[in-house]
Amino acid sequence: MSDFSEDENEISFQVKFLGRVEVVRHDGLQILEEAAQNIKSPDKYSSEKAAKKSKVHLFVTLSGIDILEDKTKFLLYTCPLSTVSFCAVLPSSSKVFGFVARHPAADTYHCYLFQSKTFSHVLVSVIGDAFRASKKEESIRGGRDLIVEALRHKNKMLQRENAELKRRLAGLTD
């Protein structure tokens, strides 16, 4: 099976999932380094045990990043792109990359770490491109919403003016 697949709406890579770690900040290479260190020597009191070095499919779309377990196709995590705040290759190991995302229901951040022999830099670039494209699409949608609201307002004003003119016309014909 190929390590990479793509269709019009998503891009998928098969990588090794190293784990997910709660982090204190939302960006920076130091956060990736600390998360990698934490995964290498996990806290024995940690309530979250990641499936160490399990193969996963990483799906990147304009809406988010999905992490599916390779054998069972079970969805491990999903991160909307709007929650992703940082993505990079680990400086100490070019095969390891990760991203930081805000938890959608809590005010916490998690770092997701992966290993890929050949695609680390490509995946960081793909995630960054998807994030930028998502923001651009969001701003275009937002711009369209503003135009629609402006047209609605203009329509209301014209309807009021039309009603006033009809009232005046009715007063003249009486």
Protein backbone atom coordinates (compact mmCIF):
# COMPACT_ATOMS: atom_id res chain seq x y z
CA MET A 1 0.00 0.00 0.00
CA SER A 2 1.19 3.50 -0.79
CA ASP A 3 2.18 5.85 2.02
CA PHE A 4 0.38 8.68 0.25
CA SER A 5 -3.00 9.10 -1.42
CA GLU A 6 -5.00 12.06 -2.63
CA ASP A 7 -8.34 12.98 -4.10
CA GLU A 8 -9.95 16.32 -4.85
CA ASN A 9 -10.99 17.06 -1.27
CA GLU A 10 -8.40 15.41 0.94
CA ILE A 11 -4.85 14.22 1.15
CA SER A 12 -3.85 11.20 3.18
CA PHE A 13 -0.54 9.93 4.52
CA GLN A 14 0.26 6.73 6.34
CA VAL A 15 2.53 7.58 9.27
CA LYS A 16 3.40 6.30 12.72
CA PHE A 17 1.51 7.98 15.54
CA LEU A 18 3.82 8.63 18.46
CA GLY A 19 1.21 10.11 20.75
CA ARG A 20 -0.73 13.10 22.00
CA VAL A 21 0.43 15.24 24.88
CA GLU A 22 -1.27 18.14 26.64
CA VAL A 23 0.96 21.22 26.38
CA VAL A 24 1.00 24.56 28.16
CA ARG A 25 1.48 26.83 25.13
CA HIS A 26 0.00 26.79 21.67
CA ASP A 27 3.11 27.25 19.54
CA GLY A 28 6.86 26.98 19.27
CA LEU A 29 9.51 24.40 18.49
CA GLN A 30 10.23 24.09 22.20
CA ILE A 31 6.70 22.77 22.71
CA LEU A 32 7.35 20.03 20.13
CA GLU A 33 10.64 19.13 21.80
CA GLU A 34 8.99 18.98 25.25
CA ALA A 35 6.11 16.88 23.92
CA ALA A 36 8.53 14.46 22.24
CA GLN A 37 10.50 14.21 25.49
CA ASN A 38 7.28 13.56 27.40
CA ILE A 39 6.32 10.77 25.01
CA LYS A 40 9.77 9.15 25.31
CA SER A 41 9.48 9.10 29.11
CA PRO A 42 5.76 9.21 29.89
CA ASP A 43 4.49 10.32 33.25
CA LYS A 44 3.40 7.23 35.16
CA TYR A 45 0.41 9.21 36.46
CA SER A 46 -0.69 10.28 32.99
CA SER A 47 -4.31 9.38 32.34
CA GLU A 48 -3.84 9.41 28.59
CA LYS A 49 -1.96 6.49 27.10
CA ALA A 50 -1.43 6.78 23.37
CA ALA A 51 -0.98 3.77 21.18
CA LYS A 52 2.76 4.05 20.82
CA LYS A 53 4.08 4.01 17.29
CA SER A 54 0.89 2.65 15.79
CA LYS A 55 0.35 3.10 12.08
CA VAL A 56 -2.31 5.65 11.29
CA HIS A 57 -3.73 7.44 8.30
CA LEU A 58 -3.51 11.19 8.59
CA PHE A 59 -6.25 12.81 6.49
CA VAL A 60 -5.86 16.53 5.80
CA THR A 61 -8.80 18.48 4.34
CA LEU A 62 -9.82 22.12 4.26
CA SER A 63 -11.98 21.47 7.30
CA GLY A 64 -9.55 19.58 9.51
CA ILE A 65 -7.12 16.81 10.29
CA ASP A 66 -8.39 13.30 11.04
CA ILE A 67 -6.25 10.56 12.55
CA LEU A 68 -7.50 7.03 11.79
CA GLU A 69 -6.01 3.85 13.17
CA ASP A 70 -4.64 1.88 10.21
CA LYS A 71 -6.00 -1.61 10.89
CA THR A 72 -9.40 -0.86 12.41
CA LYS A 73 -10.02 2.48 10.61
CA PHE A 74 -11.18 3.74 14.03
CA LEU A 75 -11.12 7.54 14.28
CA LEU A 76 -8.63 8.34 17.03
CA TYR A 77 -8.74 12.13 16.84
CA THR A 78 -10.17 14.88 14.71
CA CYS A 79 -8.88 18.44 14.81
CA PRO A 80 -10.67 21.24 12.96
CA LEU A 81 -8.10 23.37 11.12
CA SER A 82 -9.36 26.42 12.98
CA THR A 83 -8.00 24.88 16.20
CA VAL A 84 -4.49 24.18 14.82
CA SER A 85 -2.03 26.81 15.99
CA PHE A 86 1.38 25.37 15.13
CA CYS A 87 2.94 22.69 12.93
CA ALA A 88 6.62 21.83 12.39
CA VAL A 89 9.26 19.17 11.99
CA LEU A 90 11.13 18.37 15.19
CA PRO A 91 14.56 20.06 14.95
CA SER A 92 16.31 17.17 16.72
CA SER A 93 14.81 14.53 14.40
CA SER A 94 13.82 15.24 10.80
CA LYS A 95 11.58 12.15 10.74
CA VAL A 96 9.34 13.44 13.53
CA PHE A 97 6.74 16.17 13.05
CA GLY A 98 3.78 17.40 14.97
CA PHE A 99 1.09 19.97 15.33
CA VAL A 100 -0.54 21.74 18.24
CA ALA A 101 -4.31 22.13 18.39
CA ARG A 102 -6.70 23.64 20.91
CA HIS A 103 -9.16 21.19 22.41
CA PRO A 104 -12.61 22.15 21.06
CA ALA A 105 -14.42 21.70 24.39
CA ALA A 106 -11.76 22.82 26.86
CA ASP A 107 -9.25 25.62 27.10
CA THR A 108 -6.28 23.28 26.67
CA TYR A 109 -3.80 22.52 23.89
CA HIS A 110 -2.54 19.15 22.71
CA CYS A 111 0.52 18.32 20.67
CA TYR A 112 0.13 15.41 18.23
CA LEU A 113 3.41 13.79 17.20
CA PHE A 114 4.08 11.53 14.22
CA GLN A 115 6.99 9.82 12.52
CA SER A 116 7.51 9.46 8.80
CA LYS A 117 10.67 8.37 7.04
CA THR A 118 10.00 10.43 3.93
CA PHE A 119 7.03 12.76 4.36
CA SER A 120 7.65 14.85 7.50
CA HIS A 121 8.51 18.10 5.72
CA VAL A 122 5.85 17.49 3.07
CA LEU A 123 3.15 16.93 5.67
CA VAL A 124 4.05 20.08 7.59
CA SER A 125 3.83 21.98 4.32
CA VAL A 126 0.49 20.35 3.42
CA ILE A 127 -1.01 21.15 6.83
CA GLY A 128 0.22 24.74 6.54
CA ASP A 129 -1.20 25.07 3.02
CA ALA A 130 -4.54 23.60 4.11
CA PHE A 131 -4.65 26.01 7.06
CA ARG A 132 -3.97 29.02 4.79
CA ALA A 133 -6.51 27.82 2.20
CA SER A 134 -9.09 27.29 4.93
CA LYS A 135 -8.52 30.81 6.29
CA LYS A 136 -8.74 32.26 2.77
CA GLU A 137 -11.99 30.38 2.10
CA GLU A 138 -13.32 31.51 5.48
CA SER A 139 -12.52 35.16 4.72
CA ILE A 140 -14.13 34.87 1.27
CA ARG A 141 -17.22 33.37 2.89
CA GLY A 142 -17.12 36.14 5.49
CA GLY A 143 -16.81 38.72 2.70
CA ARG A 144 -19.78 37.18 0.90
CA ASP A 145 -21.77 37.29 4.13
CA LEU A 146 -21.02 41.00 4.43
CA ILE A 147 -22.13 41.58 0.84
CA VAL A 148 -25.34 39.62 1.43
CA GLU A 149 -26.04 41.64 4.59
CA ALA A 150 -25.40 44.89 2.73
CA LEU A 151 -27.79 43.81 -0.04
CA ARG A 152 -30.43 42.83 2.51
CA HIS A 153 -30.12 46.23 4.15
CA LYS A 154 -30.35 48.00 0.78
CA ASN A 155 -33.42 45.88 -0.06
CA LYS A 156 -35.12 46.91 3.21
CA MET A 157 -34.38 50.57 2.53
CA LEU A 158 -35.82 50.29 -1.00
CA GLN A 159 -38.91 48.51 0.32
CA ARG A 160 -39.46 51.32 2.86
CA GLU A 161 -38.96 53.94 0.16
CA ASN A 162 -41.36 52.05 -2.13
CA ALA A 163 -44.00 51.86 0.63
CA GLU A 164 -43.60 55.62 1.32
CA LEU A 165 -43.98 56.44 -2.39
CA LYS A 166 -47.08 54.22 -2.63
CA ARG A 167 -48.55 56.03 0.40
CA ARG A 168 -47.84 59.42 -1.16
CA LEU A 169 -49.29 58.32 -4.48
CA ALA A 170 -52.42 57.05 -2.75
CA GLY A 171 -52.71 60.46 -0.97
CA LEU A 172 -52.47 62.31 -4.30
CA THR A 173 -55.11 60.19 -6.03
CA ASP A 174 -57.67 60.56 -3.22
